[in-house]
N, C-alpha and C. Protein backbone atom coordinates (compact mmCIF):
# COMPACT_ATOMS: atom_id res chain seq x y z
N UNK A 1 0.85 -1.18 0.00
CA UNK A 1 0.00 0.00 0.00
C UNK A 1 0.90 1.24 0.00
N UNK A 2 0.56 2.23 -0.84
CA UNK A 2 1.38 3.43 -0.85
C UNK A 2 0.95 4.38 0.27
N UNK A 3 1.72 5.45 0.44
CA UNK A 3 1.51 6.36 1.59
C UNK A 3 0.11 6.94 1.70
N UNK A 4 -0.48 7.49 0.62
CA UNK A 4 -1.83 8.06 0.77
C UNK A 4 -2.87 7.02 1.20
N UNK A 5 -2.76 5.79 0.67
CA UNK A 5 -3.72 4.75 1.06
C UNK A 5 -3.54 4.34 2.52
N UNK A 6 -2.29 4.20 2.93
CA UNK A 6 -2.01 3.85 4.33
C UNK A 6 -2.53 4.93 5.26
N UNK A 7 -2.30 6.20 4.89
CA UNK A 7 -2.76 7.31 5.70
C UNK A 7 -4.28 7.34 5.78
N UNK A 8 -4.96 7.05 4.68
CA UNK A 8 -6.42 7.04 4.68
C UNK A 8 -6.96 5.96 5.61
N UNK A 9 -6.33 4.80 5.62
CA UNK A 9 -6.75 3.71 6.51
C UNK A 9 -6.54 4.11 7.97
N UNK A 10 -5.38 4.68 8.26
CA UNK A 10 -5.09 5.09 9.64
C UNK A 10 -6.04 6.20 10.08
N UNK A 11 -6.28 7.18 9.21
CA UNK A 11 -7.18 8.28 9.56
C UNK A 11 -8.59 7.77 9.80
N UNK A 12 -9.02 6.82 8.97
CA UNK A 12 -10.35 6.24 9.14
C UNK A 12 -10.47 5.49 10.45
N UNK A 13 -9.44 4.73 10.79
CA UNK A 13 -9.45 3.97 12.03
C UNK A 13 -9.45 4.86 13.26
N UNK A 14 -8.57 5.84 13.26
CA UNK A 14 -8.48 6.76 14.41
C UNK A 14 -9.75 7.58 14.51
N UNK A 15 -10.20 8.13 13.38
CA UNK A 15 -11.41 8.94 13.39
C UNK A 15 -12.63 8.15 13.84
N UNK A 16 -12.77 6.94 13.35
CA UNK A 16 -13.90 6.10 13.74
C UNK A 16 -13.88 5.75 15.21
N UNK A 17 -12.70 5.43 15.72
CA UNK A 17 -12.59 5.06 17.14
C UNK A 17 -12.93 6.24 18.05
N UNK A 18 -12.36 7.39 17.74
CA UNK A 18 -12.63 8.58 18.56
C UNK A 18 -14.09 8.99 18.41
N UNK A 19 -14.60 8.95 17.19
CA UNK A 19 -15.99 9.32 16.96
C UNK A 19 -16.95 8.43 17.71
N UNK A 20 -16.70 7.13 17.69
CA UNK A 20 -17.57 6.20 18.42
C UNK A 20 -17.51 6.45 19.92
N UNK A 21 -16.32 6.71 20.43
CA UNK A 21 -16.17 6.98 21.86
C UNK A 21 -16.97 8.23 22.26
N UNK A 22 -16.82 9.30 21.47
CA UNK A 22 -17.52 10.55 21.78
C UNK A 22 -19.04 10.37 21.64
N UNK A 23 -19.45 9.67 20.57
CA UNK A 23 -20.87 9.45 20.36
C UNK A 23 -21.53 8.70 21.49
N UNK A 24 -20.87 7.67 21.97
CA UNK A 24 -21.42 6.88 23.09
C UNK A 24 -21.36 7.67 24.39
N UNK A 25 -20.27 8.44 24.58
CA UNK A 25 -20.12 9.23 25.81
C UNK A 25 -21.21 10.29 25.92
N UNK A 26 -21.55 10.91 24.79
CA UNK A 26 -22.60 11.94 24.81
C UNK A 26 -23.96 11.29 25.04
N UNK A 27 -24.17 10.16 24.41
CA UNK A 27 -25.42 9.41 24.63
C UNK A 27 -26.60 10.06 23.95
N UNK A 28 -27.77 9.74 24.42
CA UNK A 28 -28.98 10.26 23.80
C UNK A 28 -29.62 9.21 22.92
N UNK A 29 -30.46 9.67 22.01
CA UNK A 29 -31.14 8.73 21.13
C UNK A 29 -30.17 8.22 20.06
N UNK A 30 -30.49 7.11 19.43
CA UNK A 30 -29.57 6.52 18.44
C UNK A 30 -29.18 7.46 17.30
N UNK A 31 -30.10 8.32 16.87
CA UNK A 31 -29.79 9.24 15.77
C UNK A 31 -28.72 10.25 16.21
N UNK A 32 -28.84 10.76 17.41
CA UNK A 32 -27.86 11.71 17.93
C UNK A 32 -26.48 11.06 18.05
N UNK A 33 -26.46 9.84 18.57
CA UNK A 33 -25.18 9.11 18.70
C UNK A 33 -24.56 8.89 17.34
N UNK A 34 -25.36 8.49 16.37
CA UNK A 34 -24.86 8.22 15.01
C UNK A 34 -24.31 9.49 14.37
N UNK A 35 -25.06 10.57 14.44
CA UNK A 35 -24.61 11.82 13.83
C UNK A 35 -23.37 12.37 14.51
N UNK A 36 -23.33 12.30 15.83
CA UNK A 36 -22.14 12.76 16.57
C UNK A 36 -20.93 11.93 16.20
N UNK A 37 -21.12 10.61 16.13
CA UNK A 37 -20.02 9.72 15.75
C UNK A 37 -19.50 10.07 14.37
N UNK A 38 -20.40 10.28 13.42
CA UNK A 38 -20.01 10.60 12.04
C UNK A 38 -19.25 11.91 11.97
N UNK A 39 -19.77 12.95 12.60
CA UNK A 39 -19.13 14.27 12.54
C UNK A 39 -17.75 14.25 13.18
N UNK A 40 -17.65 13.65 14.37
CA UNK A 40 -16.36 13.59 15.05
C UNK A 40 -15.37 12.74 14.26
N UNK A 41 -15.83 11.63 13.70
CA UNK A 41 -14.94 10.77 12.91
C UNK A 41 -14.39 11.52 11.70
N UNK A 42 -15.24 12.29 11.03
CA UNK A 42 -14.79 13.07 9.87
C UNK A 42 -13.79 14.15 10.28
N UNK A 43 -14.07 14.84 11.38
CA UNK A 43 -13.17 15.89 11.84
C UNK A 43 -11.81 15.33 12.26
N UNK A 44 -11.83 14.24 13.03
CA UNK A 44 -10.57 13.66 13.50
C UNK A 44 -9.79 13.06 12.33
N UNK A 45 -10.48 12.35 11.44
CA UNK A 45 -9.81 11.78 10.27
C UNK A 45 -9.19 12.86 9.40
N UNK A 46 -9.93 13.94 9.19
CA UNK A 46 -9.39 15.07 8.40
C UNK A 46 -8.19 15.70 9.08
N UNK A 47 -8.25 15.81 10.40
CA UNK A 47 -7.11 16.38 11.14
C UNK A 47 -5.88 15.50 11.06
N UNK A 48 -6.07 14.19 11.08
CA UNK A 48 -4.92 13.26 10.96
C UNK A 48 -4.27 13.44 9.59
N UNK A 49 -5.08 13.49 8.55
CA UNK A 49 -4.54 13.67 7.20
C UNK A 49 -3.87 15.02 7.06
N UNK A 50 -4.53 16.07 7.55
CA UNK A 50 -3.97 17.42 7.44
C UNK A 50 -2.63 17.54 8.17
N UNK A 51 -2.54 16.96 9.35
CA UNK A 51 -1.29 17.06 10.11
C UNK A 51 -0.15 16.31 9.41
N UNK A 52 -0.47 15.18 8.79
CA UNK A 52 0.56 14.43 8.06
C UNK A 52 1.03 15.19 6.82
N UNK A 53 0.10 15.83 6.14
CA UNK A 53 0.46 16.61 4.95
C UNK A 53 1.29 17.83 5.35
N UNK A 54 0.85 18.52 6.40
CA UNK A 54 1.58 19.71 6.86
C UNK A 54 2.99 19.33 7.33
N UNK A 55 3.10 18.19 8.00
CA UNK A 55 4.41 17.74 8.49
C UNK A 55 5.31 17.26 7.35
N UNK A 56 4.74 17.09 6.17
CA UNK A 56 5.53 16.66 5.03
C UNK A 56 5.72 15.16 4.94
N UNK A 57 4.98 14.40 5.75
CA UNK A 57 5.11 12.95 5.72
C UNK A 57 4.51 12.36 4.46
N UNK A 58 3.52 13.03 3.90
CA UNK A 58 2.84 12.52 2.70
C UNK A 58 2.73 13.63 1.70
N UNK A 59 3.03 13.32 0.46
CA UNK A 59 2.85 14.29 -0.62
C UNK A 59 1.78 13.79 -1.55
N UNK A 60 0.80 14.63 -1.82
CA UNK A 60 -0.23 14.28 -2.78
C UNK A 60 0.13 14.90 -4.11
N UNK A 61 0.38 14.05 -5.07
CA UNK A 61 0.81 14.54 -6.39
C UNK A 61 -0.25 14.14 -7.40
N UNK A 62 -0.67 15.11 -8.20
CA UNK A 62 -1.65 14.83 -9.26
C UNK A 62 -0.89 14.20 -10.43
N UNK A 63 -1.28 13.00 -10.80
CA UNK A 63 -0.64 12.30 -11.91
C UNK A 63 -1.59 12.29 -13.08
N UNK A 64 -1.21 12.95 -14.16
CA UNK A 64 -2.08 13.10 -15.32
C UNK A 64 -2.20 11.82 -16.14
N UNK A 65 -1.34 10.86 -15.88
CA UNK A 65 -1.36 9.63 -16.68
C UNK A 65 -2.42 8.67 -16.22
């Protein structure tokens, strides 16, 4: 697996885990838990990717071929 794919898997795993934890911790009805989990997972996953790109660990290059 190349770097962007590996990073996407890691970001998804971390984001999903944190999102699920926050969603369950907040509690409420199932819809609220689901939406909270989704939003937090997206934010954390995006932050993981952004921090890796800013740190220079991953370069996203557009390949025209």
